[in-house]
C-alpha atoms as a PDB file:
ATOM      1  CA  UNK A   1     -25.664 -22.875  -7.885  1.00  0.00           C
ATOM      2  CA  UNK A   2     -23.344 -24.896  -9.700  1.00  0.00           C
ATOM      3  CA  UNK A   3     -23.386 -22.935 -12.837  1.00  0.00           C
ATOM      4  CA  UNK A   4     -22.774 -19.486 -10.891  1.00  0.00           C
ATOM      5  CA  UNK A   5     -19.980 -21.029  -9.532  1.00  0.00           C
ATOM      6  CA  UNK A   6     -18.305 -22.074 -12.772  1.00  0.00           C
ATOM      7  CA  UNK A   7     -18.381 -18.156 -13.745  1.00  0.00           C
ATOM      8  CA  UNK A   8     -14.698 -16.875 -13.813  1.00  0.00           C
ATOM      9  CA  UNK A   9     -15.835 -13.593 -12.537  1.00  0.00           C
ATOM     10  CA  UNK A  10     -17.666 -14.927  -9.266  1.00  0.00           C
ATOM     11  CA  UNK A  11     -15.243 -17.630  -8.245  1.00  0.00           C
ATOM     12  CA  UNK A  12     -12.299 -14.652  -8.539  1.00  0.00           C
ATOM     13  CA  UNK A  13     -14.545 -12.496  -6.602  1.00  0.00           C
ATOM     14  CA  UNK A  14     -15.533 -15.475  -3.944  1.00  0.00           C
ATOM     15  CA  UNK A  15     -12.321 -16.651  -3.438  1.00  0.00           C
ATOM     16  CA  UNK A  16     -10.375 -12.575  -3.068  1.00  0.00           C
ATOM     17  CA  UNK A  17     -13.578 -12.004  -1.081  1.00  0.00           C
ATOM     18  CA  UNK A  18     -12.525 -15.389   1.147  1.00  0.00           C
ATOM     19  CA  UNK A  19      -8.810 -14.868   1.284  1.00  0.00           C
ATOM     20  CA  UNK A  20      -9.515 -11.077   2.599  1.00  0.00           C
ATOM     21  CA  UNK A  21     -11.804 -12.239   5.006  1.00  0.00           C
ATOM     22  CA  UNK A  22      -8.968 -14.802   6.094  1.00  0.00           C
ATOM     23  CA  UNK A  23      -5.670 -11.986   6.074  1.00  0.00           C
ATOM     24  CA  UNK A  24      -8.434  -9.935   8.148  1.00  0.00           C
ATOM     25  CA  UNK A  25      -8.213 -12.391  10.883  1.00  0.00           C
ATOM     26  CA  UNK A  26      -4.737 -13.186  10.752  1.00  0.00           C
ATOM     27  CA  UNK A  27      -3.980  -9.240  10.859  1.00  0.00           C
ATOM     28  CA  UNK A  28      -6.199  -8.424  13.743  1.00  0.00           C
ATOM     29  CA  UNK A  29      -5.718 -11.710  15.852  1.00  0.00           C
ATOM     30  CA  UNK A  30      -2.004 -12.727  15.088  1.00  0.00           C
ATOM     31  CA  UNK A  31      -0.042  -9.805  13.736  1.00  0.00           C
ATOM     32  CA  UNK A  32      -1.562  -6.993  15.418  1.00  0.00           C
ATOM     33  CA  UNK A  33      -2.103  -8.460  18.394  1.00  0.00           C
ATOM     34  CA  UNK A  34       1.370 -10.278  18.617  1.00  0.00           C
ATOM     35  CA  UNK A  35       3.777  -8.124  16.882  1.00  0.00           C
ATOM     36  CA  UNK A  36       5.044  -4.765  16.107  1.00  0.00           C
ATOM     37  CA  UNK A  37       5.389  -5.228  12.173  1.00  0.00           C
ATOM     38  CA  UNK A  38       3.266  -2.240  11.815  1.00  0.00           C
ATOM     39  CA  UNK A  39       5.337   0.244  13.717  1.00  0.00           C
ATOM     40  CA  UNK A  40       8.511  -1.188  11.791  1.00  0.00           C
ATOM     41  CA  UNK A  41       6.653  -0.378   8.655  1.00  0.00           C
ATOM     42  CA  UNK A  42       5.518   3.091   9.508  1.00  0.00           C
ATOM     43  CA  UNK A  43       9.258   3.776  10.704  1.00  0.00           C
ATOM     44  CA  UNK A  44      10.443   2.050   7.268  1.00  0.00           C
ATOM     45  CA  UNK A  45       8.390   4.666   5.249  1.00  0.00           C
ATOM     46  CA  UNK A  46       9.147   7.598   7.310  1.00  0.00           C
ATOM     47  CA  UNK A  47      13.185   6.766   7.034  1.00  0.00           C
ATOM     48  CA  UNK A  48      13.154   6.365   3.438  1.00  0.00           C
ATOM     49  CA  UNK A  49      10.905   9.261   2.760  1.00  0.00           C
ATOM     50  CA  UNK A  50      13.405  11.111   4.901  1.00  0.00           C
ATOM     51  CA  UNK A  51      16.189   9.569   2.645  1.00  0.00           C
ATOM     52  CA  UNK A  52      14.524  10.739  -0.659  1.00  0.00           C
ATOM     53  CA  UNK A  53      13.294  14.170   0.409  1.00  0.00           C
ATOM     54  CA  UNK A  54      16.950  14.496   1.553  1.00  0.00           C
ATOM     55  CA  UNK A  55      18.185  13.418  -1.992  1.00  0.00           C
ATOM     56  CA  UNK A  56      16.208  16.017  -3.685  1.00  0.00           C
ATOM     57  CA  UNK A  57      17.445  18.767  -1.493  1.00  0.00           C
ATOM     58  CA  UNK A  58      14.698  19.383   1.602  1.00  0.00           C
ATOM     59  CA  UNK A  59      16.116  19.455   4.862  1.00  0.00           C
ATOM     60  CA  UNK A  60      13.842  17.090   6.778  1.00  0.00           C
ATOM     61  CA  UNK A  61      13.761  14.908  10.252  1.00  0.00           C
ATOM     62  CA  UNK A  62      12.084  12.020  12.273  1.00  0.00           C
ATOM     63  CA  UNK A  63      10.071  12.547  15.148  1.00  0.00           C
ATOM     64  CA  UNK A  64       8.876   9.512  16.834  1.00  0.00           C
ATOM     65  CA  UNK A  65       5.469   9.609  18.498  1.00  0.00           C
ATOM     66  CA  UNK A  66       4.092   6.479  20.696  1.00  0.00           C
ATOM     67  CA  UNK A  67       2.607   4.443  17.878  1.00  0.00           C
ATOM     68  CA  UNK A  68       3.269   7.168  15.128  1.00  0.00           C
ATOM     69  CA  UNK A  69       6.360   7.952  13.157  1.00  0.00           C
ATOM     70  CA  UNK A  70       6.175  11.801  11.825  1.00  0.00           C
ATOM     71  CA  UNK A  71       8.252  13.178   9.135  1.00  0.00           C
ATOM     72  CA  UNK A  72       9.066  16.646   9.378  1.00  0.00           C
ATOM     73  CA  UNK A  73      10.765  19.293   7.493  1.00  0.00           C
ATOM     74  CA  UNK A  74      12.994  22.110   8.866  1.00  0.00           C
ATOM     75  CA  UNK A  75      11.607  25.097   7.228  1.00  0.00           C
ATOM     76  CA  UNK A  76       8.094  26.347   7.537  1.00  0.00           C
ATOM     77  CA  UNK A  77       5.057  25.229   9.153  1.00  0.00           C
ATOM     78  CA  UNK A  78       6.744  21.810  10.806  1.00  0.00           C
ATOM     79  CA  UNK A  79       3.098  20.319  11.050  1.00  0.00           C
ATOM     80  CA  UNK A  80       5.016  17.174   9.658  1.00  0.00           C
ATOM     81  CA  UNK A  81       3.104  13.536   8.118  1.00  0.00           C
ATOM     82  CA  UNK A  82       2.246  11.303  10.806  1.00  0.00           C
ATOM     83  CA  UNK A  83       2.503   7.936   9.628  1.00  0.00           C
ATOM     84  CA  UNK A  84       0.196   5.409  11.811  1.00  0.00           C
ATOM     85  CA  UNK A  85      -0.854   2.078  10.958  1.00  0.00           C
ATOM     86  CA  UNK A  86      -3.587   2.916   8.577  1.00  0.00           C
ATOM     87  CA  UNK A  87      -1.235   4.711   6.170  1.00  0.00           C
ATOM     88  CA  UNK A  88       1.853   2.428   5.851  1.00  0.00           C
ATOM     89  CA  UNK A  89       0.882   0.126   2.880  1.00  0.00           C
ATOM     90  CA  UNK A  90       0.510  -2.840   4.601  1.00  0.00           C
ATOM     91  CA  UNK A  91      -3.375  -3.630   4.038  1.00  0.00           C
ATOM     92  CA  UNK A  92      -2.306  -2.320   0.388  1.00  0.00           C
ATOM     93  CA  UNK A  93       0.468  -4.992   0.171  1.00  0.00           C
ATOM     94  CA  UNK A  94      -2.400  -7.409   1.446  1.00  0.00           C
ATOM     95  CA  UNK A  95      -4.988  -6.541  -1.049  1.00  0.00           C
ATOM     96  CA  UNK A  96      -2.845  -6.450  -4.337  1.00  0.00           C
ATOM     97  CA  UNK A  97      -1.392 -10.042  -3.210  1.00  0.00           C
ATOM     98  CA  UNK A  98      -4.907 -11.162  -2.528  1.00  0.00           C
ATOM     99  CA  UNK A  99      -5.907  -9.966  -6.391  1.00  0.00           C
ATOM    100  CA  UNK A 100      -3.016 -11.579  -7.807  1.00  0.00           C
ATOM    101  CA  UNK A 101      -3.672 -14.854  -6.008  1.00  0.00           C
ATOM    102  CA  UNK A 102      -7.199 -14.859  -6.331  1.00  0.00           C
ATOM    103  CA  UNK A 103      -6.638 -14.350 -10.321  1.00  0.00           C
ATOM    104  CA  UNK A 104      -5.993 -17.714 -12.605  1.00  0.00           C
ATOM    105  CA  UNK A 105      -2.245 -18.130 -13.461  1.00  0.00           C
ATOM    106  CA  UNK A 106       0.804 -20.189 -12.584  1.00  0.00           C
ATOM    107  CA  UNK A 107       1.929 -20.214  -9.236  1.00  0.00           C
ATOM    108  CA  UNK A 108       5.785 -19.467 -10.664  1.00  0.00           C
ATOM    109  CA  UNK A 109       4.525 -16.441 -12.005  1.00  0.00           C
ATOM    110  CA  UNK A 110       2.838 -14.899  -8.926  1.00  0.00           C
ATOM    111  CA  UNK A 111       5.856 -15.992  -6.854  1.00  0.00           C
ATOM    112  CA  UNK A 112       7.662 -13.248  -8.211  1.00  0.00           C
ATOM    113  CA  UNK A 113       5.054 -10.848  -9.288  1.00  0.00           C
ATOM    114  CA  UNK A 114       3.921 -10.676  -5.731  1.00  0.00           C
ATOM    115  CA  UNK A 115       6.767  -9.192  -4.532  1.00  0.00           C
ATOM    116  CA  UNK A 116       7.474  -7.101  -7.101  1.00  0.00           C
ATOM    117  CA  UNK A 117       4.298  -5.500  -6.738  1.00  0.00           C
ATOM    118  CA  UNK A 118       4.668  -4.947  -3.418  1.00  0.00           C
ATOM    119  CA  UNK A 119       7.645  -3.256  -3.837  1.00  0.00           C
ATOM    120  CA  UNK A 120       5.780  -0.896  -6.461  1.00  0.00           C
ATOM    121  CA  UNK A 121       3.420  -0.184  -4.032  1.00  0.00           C
ATOM    122  CA  UNK A 122       5.854   0.764  -1.089  1.00  0.00           C
ATOM    123  CA  UNK A 123       7.710   3.072  -3.667  1.00  0.00           C
ATOM    124  CA  UNK A 124       4.588   4.801  -4.663  1.00  0.00           C
ATOM    125  CA  UNK A 125       3.490   4.859  -0.566  1.00  0.00           C
ATOM    126  CA  UNK A 126       6.949   6.730  -0.103  1.00  0.00           C
ATOM    127  CA  UNK A 127       6.563   8.943  -2.832  1.00  0.00           C
ATOM    128  CA  UNK A 128       2.914   9.733  -1.480  1.00  0.00           C
ATOM    129  CA  UNK A 129       4.512  10.281   2.030  1.00  0.00           C
ATOM    130  CA  UNK A 130       7.109  12.714   0.488  1.00  0.00           C
ATOM    131  CA  UNK A 131       4.180  14.507  -1.577  1.00  0.00           C
ATOM    132  CA  UNK A 132       2.525  15.054   1.807  1.00  0.00           C
ATOM    133  CA  UNK A 133       5.264  16.327   3.787  1.00  0.00           C
ATOM    134  CA  UNK A 134       5.540  19.351   1.565  1.00  0.00           C
ATOM    135  CA  UNK A 135       1.563  20.204   1.239  1.00  0.00           C
ATOM    136  CA  UNK A 136       1.888  19.861   4.836  1.00  0.00           C
ATOM    137  CA  UNK A 137       4.489  22.376   5.215  1.00  0.00           C
ATOM    138  CA  UNK A 138       4.138  24.838   2.470  1.00  0.00           C
ATOM    139  CA  UNK A 139       0.389  24.521   1.433  1.00  0.00           C
ATOM    140  CA  UNK A 140      -1.201  22.937   4.596  1.00  0.00           C
ATOM    141  CA  UNK A 141      -4.839  23.789   3.574  1.00  0.00           C
ATOM    142  CA  UNK A 142      -4.756  21.264   0.927  1.00  0.00           C
ATOM    143  CA  UNK A 143      -3.514  18.540   2.966  1.00  0.00           C
ATOM    144  CA  UNK A 144      -6.377  16.961   4.127  1.00  0.00           C
ATOM    145  CA  UNK A 145      -8.032  16.517   0.092  1.00  0.00           C
ATOM    146  CA  UNK A 146      -4.556  15.455  -1.359  1.00  0.00           C
ATOM    147  CA  UNK A 147      -4.246  12.816   1.932  1.00  0.00           C
ATOM    148  CA  UNK A 148      -8.211  11.559   1.651  1.00  0.00           C
ATOM    149  CA  UNK A 149      -8.156  11.655  -2.377  1.00  0.00           C
ATOM    150  CA  UNK A 150      -5.420  12.626  -4.705  1.00  0.00           C
ATOM    151  CA  UNK A 151      -3.068  10.199  -3.192  1.00  0.00           C
ATOM    152  CA  UNK A 152      -5.656   7.428  -2.388  1.00  0.00           C
ATOM    153  CA  UNK A 153      -6.506   7.647  -6.186  1.00  0.00           C
ATOM    154  CA  UNK A 154      -2.687   7.433  -6.994  1.00  0.00           C
ATOM    155  CA  UNK A 155      -1.872   4.086  -4.577  1.00  0.00           C
ATOM    156  CA  UNK A 156      -5.326   2.419  -5.688  1.00  0.00           C
ATOM    157  CA  UNK A 157      -4.392   3.269  -9.041  1.00  0.00           C
ATOM    158  CA  UNK A 158      -1.033   1.760  -9.057  1.00  0.00           C
ATOM    159  CA  UNK A 159      -2.449  -1.091  -7.706  1.00  0.00           C
ATOM    160  CA  UNK A 160      -5.054  -1.801 -10.189  1.00  0.00           C
ATOM    161  CA  UNK A 161      -2.275  -1.235 -12.878  1.00  0.00           C
ATOM    162  CA  UNK A 162      -0.494  -3.988 -11.645  1.00  0.00           C
ATOM    163  CA  UNK A 163      -2.960  -6.315 -11.661  1.00  0.00           C
ATOM    164  CA  UNK A 164      -4.050  -5.328 -15.099  1.00  0.00           C
ATOM    165  CA  UNK A 165      -0.688  -5.904 -16.102  1.00  0.00           C
ATOM    166  CA  UNK A 166      -0.944  -9.046 -14.732  1.00  0.00           C
ATOM    167  CA  UNK A 167      -4.322 -10.175 -15.842  1.00  0.00           C
ATOM    168  CA  UNK A 168      -3.211  -9.225 -19.672  1.00  0.00           C
ATOM    169  CA  UNK A 169       0.480 -11.102 -19.375  1.00  0.00           C
ATOM    170  CA  UNK A 170      -2.014 -14.153 -18.204  1.00  0.00           C
ATOM    171  CA  UNK A 171      -4.684 -13.911 -20.209  1.00  0.00           C
ATOM    172  CA  UNK A 172      -4.384 -17.001 -21.936  1.00  0.00           C
ATOM    173  CA  UNK A 173      -4.394 -18.706 -18.623  1.00  0.00           C
ATOM    174  CA  UNK A 174      -7.390 -17.050 -17.400  1.00  0.00           C
ATOM    175  CA  UNK A 175      -9.413 -17.982 -20.508  1.00  0.00           C
ATOM    176  CA  UNK A 176      -8.646 -21.749 -20.310  1.00  0.00           C
END
């Protein structure tokens, strides 16, 4: 058992799994239960997506519905993109942060890299919502596929590339 725990990959996986379980407990027992964090993040993503779509020449507007926020376009089918708690990126921020925390390295580096990475993931999610709004409006038959596969791979790919970048920059610390 001791030999197994000395394996760096096993230590990384166990630490990441433990942090993820801890995060799930904090999220469901405290954050989700006692805050409106998810709704505020939903609204932020839609507002920033709305601004980006407007900046590139599309007329969009925001519609709020119970626990969702919807980005809609003025022309076309107007089905819109609903951003709910599962799509706001908060869990992605957490997964990214857990990977960085679990990987060996100096805390000074982690403390700037985690917020920078979260910003990248947030921007990727905004781009995702804009693209999905466009697809929803002009090519709705492709919406489900792109939502489930294309943009899931896109966002998780960015998280993986950021983690890989961090791991390569901190390779010497991980080997010691």
